[in-house]
Amino acid sequence: MFGHKNTPARDKVTGASISMTHTIKVQLADKTGHTQMLLSPAETAEKIQQNSSSWIYADNQLVQADQMNEANLSTVSSVRILPGLVGG
């Protein structure tokens, strides 16, 4: 079903090229609720930078927002962006 190293994958029935795009399930929570999206690694990195003061979890591991770029997200399947908790 998959093509060789330099050949794109093709559908067996139609022969059309198949796009194999990596998507990440992103959950963004704020004071009004939460939003769930499917984004590319580049879009996810942008969303993380837009919310850099939030707590970021990549595959359930707390990570630093400034360390999350497109390359680091290439193997991640889920990201949660949550408001930081403040004790007191």
C-alpha atoms as a PDB file:
ATOM      1  CA  MET A   1       0.000   0.000   0.000  1.00  0.00           C
ATOM      2  CA  PHE A   2       2.833   2.420   0.754  1.00  0.00           C
ATOM      3  CA  GLY A   3       5.196   3.627  -1.931  1.00  0.00           C
ATOM      4  CA  HIS A   4       8.933   3.212  -1.944  1.00  0.00           C
ATOM      5  CA  LYS A   5      11.302   5.720  -0.374  1.00  0.00           C
ATOM      6  CA  ASN A   6      10.747   8.476  -2.975  1.00  0.00           C
ATOM      7  CA  THR A   7       7.341   7.392  -4.233  1.00  0.00           C
ATOM      8  CA  PRO A   8       4.196   8.826  -2.605  1.00  0.00           C
ATOM      9  CA  ALA A   9       1.693   6.359  -1.194  1.00  0.00           C
ATOM     10  CA  ARG A  10      -1.168   5.607  -3.568  1.00  0.00           C
ATOM     11  CA  ASP A  11      -4.683   4.331  -3.018  1.00  0.00           C
ATOM     12  CA  LYS A  12      -4.971   0.799  -4.444  1.00  0.00           C
ATOM     13  CA  VAL A  13      -8.433   1.400  -5.922  1.00  0.00           C
ATOM     14  CA  THR A  14      -8.138   4.866  -7.453  1.00  0.00           C
ATOM     15  CA  GLY A  15      -4.360   5.250  -7.778  1.00  0.00           C
ATOM     16  CA  ALA A  16      -4.637   8.716  -6.210  1.00  0.00           C
ATOM     17  CA  SER A  17      -1.884  10.022  -3.934  1.00  0.00           C
ATOM     18  CA  ILE A  18      -2.645   9.705  -0.230  1.00  0.00           C
ATOM     19  CA  SER A  19      -1.677  12.562   2.057  1.00  0.00           C
ATOM     20  CA  MET A  20      -0.127  11.296   5.310  1.00  0.00           C
ATOM     21  CA  THR A  21      -0.257  14.434   7.442  1.00  0.00           C
ATOM     22  CA  HIS A  22       0.610  14.179  11.136  1.00  0.00           C
ATOM     23  CA  THR A  23      -2.080  15.820  13.257  1.00  0.00           C
ATOM     24  CA  ILE A  24      -2.087  16.531  16.973  1.00  0.00           C
ATOM     25  CA  LYS A  25      -5.172  16.617  19.187  1.00  0.00           C
ATOM     26  CA  VAL A  26      -4.922  19.972  20.979  1.00  0.00           C
ATOM     27  CA  GLN A  27      -7.096  20.810  23.989  1.00  0.00           C
ATOM     28  CA  LEU A  28      -7.097  24.477  24.983  1.00  0.00           C
ATOM     29  CA  ALA A  29      -8.711  25.281  28.344  1.00  0.00           C
ATOM     30  CA  ASP A  30      -9.546  28.705  29.740  1.00  0.00           C
ATOM     31  CA  LYS A  31     -11.999  30.296  32.191  1.00  0.00           C
ATOM     32  CA  THR A  32     -14.908  29.820  29.776  1.00  0.00           C
ATOM     33  CA  GLY A  33     -14.375  26.111  29.086  1.00  0.00           C
ATOM     34  CA  HIS A  34     -12.245  24.241  26.596  1.00  0.00           C
ATOM     35  CA  THR A  35     -11.784  23.832  22.862  1.00  0.00           C
ATOM     36  CA  GLN A  36     -10.518  20.720  21.097  1.00  0.00           C
ATOM     37  CA  MET A  37      -8.769  20.925  17.711  1.00  0.00           C
ATOM     38  CA  LEU A  38      -6.772  18.749  15.316  1.00  0.00           C
ATOM     39  CA  LEU A  39      -3.721  20.741  14.214  1.00  0.00           C
ATOM     40  CA  SER A  40      -0.473  20.188  12.336  1.00  0.00           C
ATOM     41  CA  PRO A  41       2.781  20.370  14.324  1.00  0.00           C
ATOM     42  CA  ALA A  42       3.418  23.900  12.951  1.00  0.00           C
ATOM     43  CA  GLU A  43      -0.079  25.076  13.935  1.00  0.00           C
ATOM     44  CA  THR A  44       0.317  23.455  17.352  1.00  0.00           C
ATOM     45  CA  ALA A  45       3.647  25.220  17.940  1.00  0.00           C
ATOM     46  CA  GLU A  46       1.994  28.538  17.047  1.00  0.00           C
ATOM     47  CA  LYS A  47      -0.915  27.859  19.437  1.00  0.00           C
ATOM     48  CA  ILE A  48       1.551  27.004  22.226  1.00  0.00           C
ATOM     49  CA  GLN A  49       3.498  30.243  21.657  1.00  0.00           C
ATOM     50  CA  GLN A  50       0.238  32.223  21.749  1.00  0.00           C
ATOM     51  CA  ASN A  51      -0.415  30.695  25.189  1.00  0.00           C
ATOM     52  CA  SER A  52       3.164  30.568  26.495  1.00  0.00           C
ATOM     53  CA  SER A  53       2.179  31.542  30.062  1.00  0.00           C
ATOM     54  CA  SER A  54      -0.091  28.477  30.311  1.00  0.00           C
ATOM     55  CA  TRP A  55       0.901  25.007  31.442  1.00  0.00           C
ATOM     56  CA  ILE A  56       1.651  22.819  28.413  1.00  0.00           C
ATOM     57  CA  TYR A  57       1.371  19.031  28.478  1.00  0.00           C
ATOM     58  CA  ALA A  58       2.656  17.057  25.476  1.00  0.00           C
ATOM     59  CA  ASP A  59       1.536  13.415  25.672  1.00  0.00           C
ATOM     60  CA  ASN A  60       0.777  13.965  29.393  1.00  0.00           C
ATOM     61  CA  GLN A  61       4.271  15.327  30.195  1.00  0.00           C
ATOM     62  CA  LEU A  62       4.643  18.905  31.461  1.00  0.00           C
ATOM     63  CA  VAL A  63       6.898  20.777  29.004  1.00  0.00           C
ATOM     64  CA  GLN A  64       8.245  24.299  28.623  1.00  0.00           C
ATOM     65  CA  ALA A  65       6.412  26.339  25.979  1.00  0.00           C
ATOM     66  CA  ASP A  66       9.657  27.801  24.610  1.00  0.00           C
ATOM     67  CA  GLN A  67      11.013  24.293  23.933  1.00  0.00           C
ATOM     68  CA  MET A  68       8.038  23.188  21.842  1.00  0.00           C
ATOM     69  CA  ASN A  69       8.696  23.722  18.154  1.00  0.00           C
ATOM     70  CA  GLU A  70       7.537  21.890  15.050  1.00  0.00           C
ATOM     71  CA  ALA A  71      10.410  19.368  15.217  1.00  0.00           C
ATOM     72  CA  ASN A  72       9.751  18.545  18.875  1.00  0.00           C
ATOM     73  CA  LEU A  73       6.058  18.021  18.098  1.00  0.00           C
ATOM     74  CA  SER A  74       6.641  15.624  15.189  1.00  0.00           C
ATOM     75  CA  THR A  75       6.016  12.532  17.352  1.00  0.00           C
ATOM     76  CA  VAL A  76       3.472  14.007  19.795  1.00  0.00           C
ATOM     77  CA  SER A  77      -0.139  12.828  19.541  1.00  0.00           C
ATOM     78  CA  SER A  78      -1.824  15.135  22.071  1.00  0.00           C
ATOM     79  CA  VAL A  79      -1.219  18.533  23.651  1.00  0.00           C
ATOM     80  CA  ARG A  80      -3.146  20.117  26.503  1.00  0.00           C
ATOM     81  CA  ILE A  81      -2.843  23.864  27.139  1.00  0.00           C
ATOM     82  CA  LEU A  82      -4.127  24.682  30.614  1.00  0.00           C
ATOM     83  CA  PRO A  83      -4.205  27.821  32.751  1.00  0.00           C
ATOM     84  CA  GLY A  84      -1.428  27.755  35.349  1.00  0.00           C
ATOM     85  CA  LEU A  85      -2.521  27.117  38.918  1.00  0.00           C
ATOM     86  CA  VAL A  86      -1.529  29.611  41.564  1.00  0.00           C
ATOM     87  CA  GLY A  87      -1.489  28.601  45.200  1.00  0.00           C
ATOM     88  CA  GLY A  88      -1.850  30.963  48.060  1.00  0.00           C
END
